[in-house]
Amino acid sequence: VNTASDCGYTNQYDDLQKLHEKFSNQLVILGFPANDFKEQEKGNDEEIAQFCKVNFGVTFPLMKKSSVVKTPAQNEIFKWLSDSSKNGWNNLAPKWNFSKYLVDENGVLLNYFDPAVSPLSKEVISAIEK
């Protein structure tokens, strides 16, 4: 999930934490802070981690702040997630903060969820439970 601390979807941190707790034995959530959309993640890695812990109780891993959009500086994970020649089917890079990707334990990209899709939506829960 690409994340940001000053976004209309920032409250999804709370739902991501609940999802992390609900599926702790079968799901690993990784947050990728990025400042790609209207400078909504201005903090450094330590400030971001503190914000997430204090405001949302986040205990899932947060990666180092990076770029997630298709540019030469794009994080390698997002290069793979958004290139169908690498992942098999998806060309969608995050179009806003809190885009979600589901990858199985074998490294197969299963789903892409738009930022507006709640982490606790039936759509996401169903995909995890498959």
C-alpha atoms as a PDB file:
ATOM      1  CA  VAL A   1       0.000   0.000   0.000  1.00  0.00           C
ATOM      2  CA  ASN A   2       1.395   3.415  -0.889  1.00  0.00           C
ATOM      3  CA  THR A   3       0.643   5.726   2.005  1.00  0.00           C
ATOM      4  CA  ALA A   4       0.651   9.392   3.013  1.00  0.00           C
ATOM      5  CA  SER A   5       0.117  11.217   6.300  1.00  0.00           C
ATOM      6  CA  ASP A   6      -1.836  14.214   5.012  1.00  0.00           C
ATOM      7  CA  CYS A   7      -4.381  12.717   2.624  1.00  0.00           C
ATOM      8  CA  GLY A   8      -8.145  12.304   2.603  1.00  0.00           C
ATOM      9  CA  TYR A   9      -7.508   8.549   2.818  1.00  0.00           C
ATOM     10  CA  THR A  10      -5.016   8.746   5.710  1.00  0.00           C
ATOM     11  CA  ASN A  11      -7.647   7.282   8.049  1.00  0.00           C
ATOM     12  CA  GLN A  12      -7.182   4.028   6.117  1.00  0.00           C
ATOM     13  CA  TYR A  13      -4.139   3.479   8.328  1.00  0.00           C
ATOM     14  CA  ASP A  14      -6.649   2.523  11.030  1.00  0.00           C
ATOM     15  CA  ASP A  15      -8.354  -0.031   8.770  1.00  0.00           C
ATOM     16  CA  LEU A  16      -5.007  -1.362   7.552  1.00  0.00           C
ATOM     17  CA  GLN A  17      -3.980  -1.925  11.175  1.00  0.00           C
ATOM     18  CA  LYS A  18      -7.273  -3.764  11.847  1.00  0.00           C
ATOM     19  CA  LEU A  19      -6.686  -5.882   8.733  1.00  0.00           C
ATOM     20  CA  HIS A  20      -3.138  -6.586   9.917  1.00  0.00           C
ATOM     21  CA  GLU A  21      -4.477  -7.790  13.281  1.00  0.00           C
ATOM     22  CA  LYS A  22      -7.363  -9.812  11.811  1.00  0.00           C
ATOM     23  CA  PHE A  23      -5.154 -11.725   9.373  1.00  0.00           C
ATOM     24  CA  SER A  24      -1.886 -11.678  11.327  1.00  0.00           C
ATOM     25  CA  ASN A  25      -1.129 -15.329  10.522  1.00  0.00           C
ATOM     26  CA  GLN A  26      -1.746 -15.108   6.786  1.00  0.00           C
ATOM     27  CA  LEU A  27      -1.185 -11.519   5.621  1.00  0.00           C
ATOM     28  CA  VAL A  28       1.719  -9.093   5.778  1.00  0.00           C
ATOM     29  CA  ILE A  29       0.852  -5.467   5.142  1.00  0.00           C
ATOM     30  CA  LEU A  30       3.677  -3.246   3.928  1.00  0.00           C
ATOM     31  CA  GLY A  31       3.222   0.512   3.901  1.00  0.00           C
ATOM     32  CA  PHE A  32       5.217   2.507   1.360  1.00  0.00           C
ATOM     33  CA  PRO A  33       5.154   6.208   2.275  1.00  0.00           C
ATOM     34  CA  ALA A  34       5.364   8.420  -0.799  1.00  0.00           C
ATOM     35  CA  ASN A  35       5.205  12.131  -1.473  1.00  0.00           C
ATOM     36  CA  ASP A  36       4.085  11.747  -5.100  1.00  0.00           C
ATOM     37  CA  PHE A  37       0.599  13.223  -4.818  1.00  0.00           C
ATOM     38  CA  LYS A  38       0.250  16.901  -3.859  1.00  0.00           C
ATOM     39  CA  GLU A  39       3.085  16.645  -1.321  1.00  0.00           C
ATOM     40  CA  GLN A  40       0.933  14.776   1.178  1.00  0.00           C
ATOM     41  CA  GLU A  41       3.892  13.008   2.795  1.00  0.00           C
ATOM     42  CA  LYS A  42       6.454  15.649   3.690  1.00  0.00           C
ATOM     43  CA  GLY A  43       7.961  13.968   6.764  1.00  0.00           C
ATOM     44  CA  ASN A  44      11.097  11.877   6.988  1.00  0.00           C
ATOM     45  CA  ASP A  45      10.977   8.147   7.773  1.00  0.00           C
ATOM     46  CA  GLU A  46      11.142   8.639  11.549  1.00  0.00           C
ATOM     47  CA  GLU A  47       8.429  11.327  11.556  1.00  0.00           C
ATOM     48  CA  ILE A  48       6.166   9.163   9.395  1.00  0.00           C
ATOM     49  CA  ALA A  49       6.598   6.118  11.656  1.00  0.00           C
ATOM     50  CA  GLN A  50       5.894   8.209  14.755  1.00  0.00           C
ATOM     51  CA  PHE A  51       2.788   9.769  13.173  1.00  0.00           C
ATOM     52  CA  CYS A  52       1.423   6.333  12.208  1.00  0.00           C
ATOM     53  CA  LYS A  53       2.095   4.803  15.625  1.00  0.00           C
ATOM     54  CA  VAL A  54       0.714   7.701  17.674  1.00  0.00           C
ATOM     55  CA  ASN A  55      -2.365   8.417  15.555  1.00  0.00           C
ATOM     56  CA  PHE A  56      -3.319   4.957  14.295  1.00  0.00           C
ATOM     57  CA  GLY A  57      -1.429   2.404  16.403  1.00  0.00           C
ATOM     58  CA  VAL A  58       0.325   1.088  13.304  1.00  0.00           C
ATOM     59  CA  THR A  59       2.471  -1.960  13.991  1.00  0.00           C
ATOM     60  CA  PHE A  60       2.783  -3.293  10.429  1.00  0.00           C
ATOM     61  CA  PRO A  61       6.059  -2.524   8.612  1.00  0.00           C
ATOM     62  CA  LEU A  62       6.564   0.862   6.977  1.00  0.00           C
ATOM     63  CA  MET A  63       9.197   0.984   4.272  1.00  0.00           C
ATOM     64  CA  LYS A  64      11.501   3.923   3.602  1.00  0.00           C
ATOM     65  CA  LYS A  65       9.828   6.847   1.877  1.00  0.00           C
ATOM     66  CA  SER A  66      10.132   6.481  -1.894  1.00  0.00           C
ATOM     67  CA  SER A  67       8.446   7.273  -5.195  1.00  0.00           C
ATOM     68  CA  VAL A  68       5.672   4.966  -6.412  1.00  0.00           C
ATOM     69  CA  VAL A  69       4.696   6.642  -9.704  1.00  0.00           C
ATOM     70  CA  LYS A  70       6.162   5.685 -13.081  1.00  0.00           C
ATOM     71  CA  THR A  71       9.338   7.757 -13.212  1.00  0.00           C
ATOM     72  CA  PRO A  72      13.022   6.773 -13.306  1.00  0.00           C
ATOM     73  CA  ALA A  73      13.018   7.112  -9.482  1.00  0.00           C
ATOM     74  CA  GLN A  74      10.096   4.685  -9.000  1.00  0.00           C
ATOM     75  CA  ASN A  75      10.555   2.175  -6.163  1.00  0.00           C
ATOM     76  CA  GLU A  76      11.579  -1.226  -7.598  1.00  0.00           C
ATOM     77  CA  ILE A  77       8.595  -2.935  -5.973  1.00  0.00           C
ATOM     78  CA  PHE A  78       6.207  -0.543  -7.719  1.00  0.00           C
ATOM     79  CA  LYS A  79       8.073  -1.003 -11.019  1.00  0.00           C
ATOM     80  CA  TRP A  80       7.165  -4.673 -10.731  1.00  0.00           C
ATOM     81  CA  LEU A  81       3.617  -4.062  -9.443  1.00  0.00           C
ATOM     82  CA  SER A  82       2.794  -1.682 -12.312  1.00  0.00           C
ATOM     83  CA  ASP A  83       4.402  -3.415 -15.302  1.00  0.00           C
ATOM     84  CA  SER A  84       2.445  -6.290 -16.859  1.00  0.00           C
ATOM     85  CA  SER A  85       5.581  -7.637 -18.557  1.00  0.00           C
ATOM     86  CA  LYS A  86       6.983  -8.237 -15.064  1.00  0.00           C
ATOM     87  CA  ASN A  87       3.901  -9.154 -12.972  1.00  0.00           C
ATOM     88  CA  GLY A  88       1.826 -10.892 -15.647  1.00  0.00           C
ATOM     89  CA  TRP A  89      -1.232  -8.643 -15.976  1.00  0.00           C
ATOM     90  CA  ASN A  90      -1.249  -5.240 -14.266  1.00  0.00           C
ATOM     91  CA  ASN A  91      -0.055  -1.894 -15.618  1.00  0.00           C
ATOM     92  CA  LEU A  92      -1.721   0.257 -12.946  1.00  0.00           C
ATOM     93  CA  ALA A  93       0.689   2.329 -10.906  1.00  0.00           C
ATOM     94  CA  PRO A  94      -0.801   4.108  -7.910  1.00  0.00           C
ATOM     95  CA  LYS A  95      -3.017   6.919  -9.112  1.00  0.00           C
ATOM     96  CA  TRP A  96      -3.310   8.324  -5.604  1.00  0.00           C
ATOM     97  CA  ASN A  97      -2.298   7.506  -2.036  1.00  0.00           C
ATOM     98  CA  PHE A  98      -3.535   4.223  -0.564  1.00  0.00           C
ATOM     99  CA  SER A  99      -3.574   2.150  -3.747  1.00  0.00           C
ATOM    100  CA  LYS A 100      -3.479  -1.477  -2.636  1.00  0.00           C
ATOM    101  CA  TYR A 101      -1.912  -4.540  -4.239  1.00  0.00           C
ATOM    102  CA  LEU A 102      -2.389  -8.132  -3.091  1.00  0.00           C
ATOM    103  CA  VAL A 103       0.480 -10.541  -3.739  1.00  0.00           C
ATOM    104  CA  ASP A 104       0.311 -14.182  -2.690  1.00  0.00           C
ATOM    105  CA  GLU A 105       2.983 -16.139  -0.829  1.00  0.00           C
ATOM    106  CA  ASN A 106       4.444 -17.319  -4.155  1.00  0.00           C
ATOM    107  CA  GLY A 107       4.956 -13.772  -5.426  1.00  0.00           C
ATOM    108  CA  VAL A 108       1.957 -13.769  -7.759  1.00  0.00           C
ATOM    109  CA  LEU A 109       0.135 -10.455  -8.073  1.00  0.00           C
ATOM    110  CA  LEU A 110      -3.527 -11.255  -7.446  1.00  0.00           C
ATOM    111  CA  ASN A 111      -5.363  -7.924  -7.165  1.00  0.00           C
ATOM    112  CA  TYR A 112      -5.148  -4.168  -7.412  1.00  0.00           C
ATOM    113  CA  PHE A 113      -7.520  -2.078  -5.285  1.00  0.00           C
ATOM    114  CA  ASP A 114      -8.212   1.589  -5.961  1.00  0.00           C
ATOM    115  CA  PRO A 115      -7.467   4.093  -3.157  1.00  0.00           C
ATOM    116  CA  ALA A 116     -11.204   4.556  -2.508  1.00  0.00           C
ATOM    117  CA  VAL A 117     -11.597   0.842  -1.699  1.00  0.00           C
ATOM    118  CA  SER A 118     -11.515   0.383   2.066  1.00  0.00           C
ATOM    119  CA  PRO A 119      -8.993  -2.138   3.384  1.00  0.00           C
ATOM    120  CA  LEU A 120     -11.912  -3.703   5.300  1.00  0.00           C
ATOM    121  CA  SER A 121     -14.247  -3.859   2.285  1.00  0.00           C
ATOM    122  CA  LYS A 122     -15.908  -7.132   1.329  1.00  0.00           C
ATOM    123  CA  GLU A 123     -13.899  -7.020  -1.899  1.00  0.00           C
ATOM    124  CA  VAL A 124     -10.543  -6.941  -0.087  1.00  0.00           C
ATOM    125  CA  ILE A 125     -11.532  -9.422   2.638  1.00  0.00           C
ATOM    126  CA  SER A 126     -12.848 -11.873   0.029  1.00  0.00           C
ATOM    127  CA  ALA A 127      -9.610 -11.664  -1.976  1.00  0.00           C
ATOM    128  CA  ILE A 128      -7.523 -12.330   1.143  1.00  0.00           C
ATOM    129  CA  GLU A 129      -9.656 -15.290   2.189  1.00  0.00           C
ATOM    130  CA  LYS A 130      -9.343 -17.036  -1.203  1.00  0.00           C
END
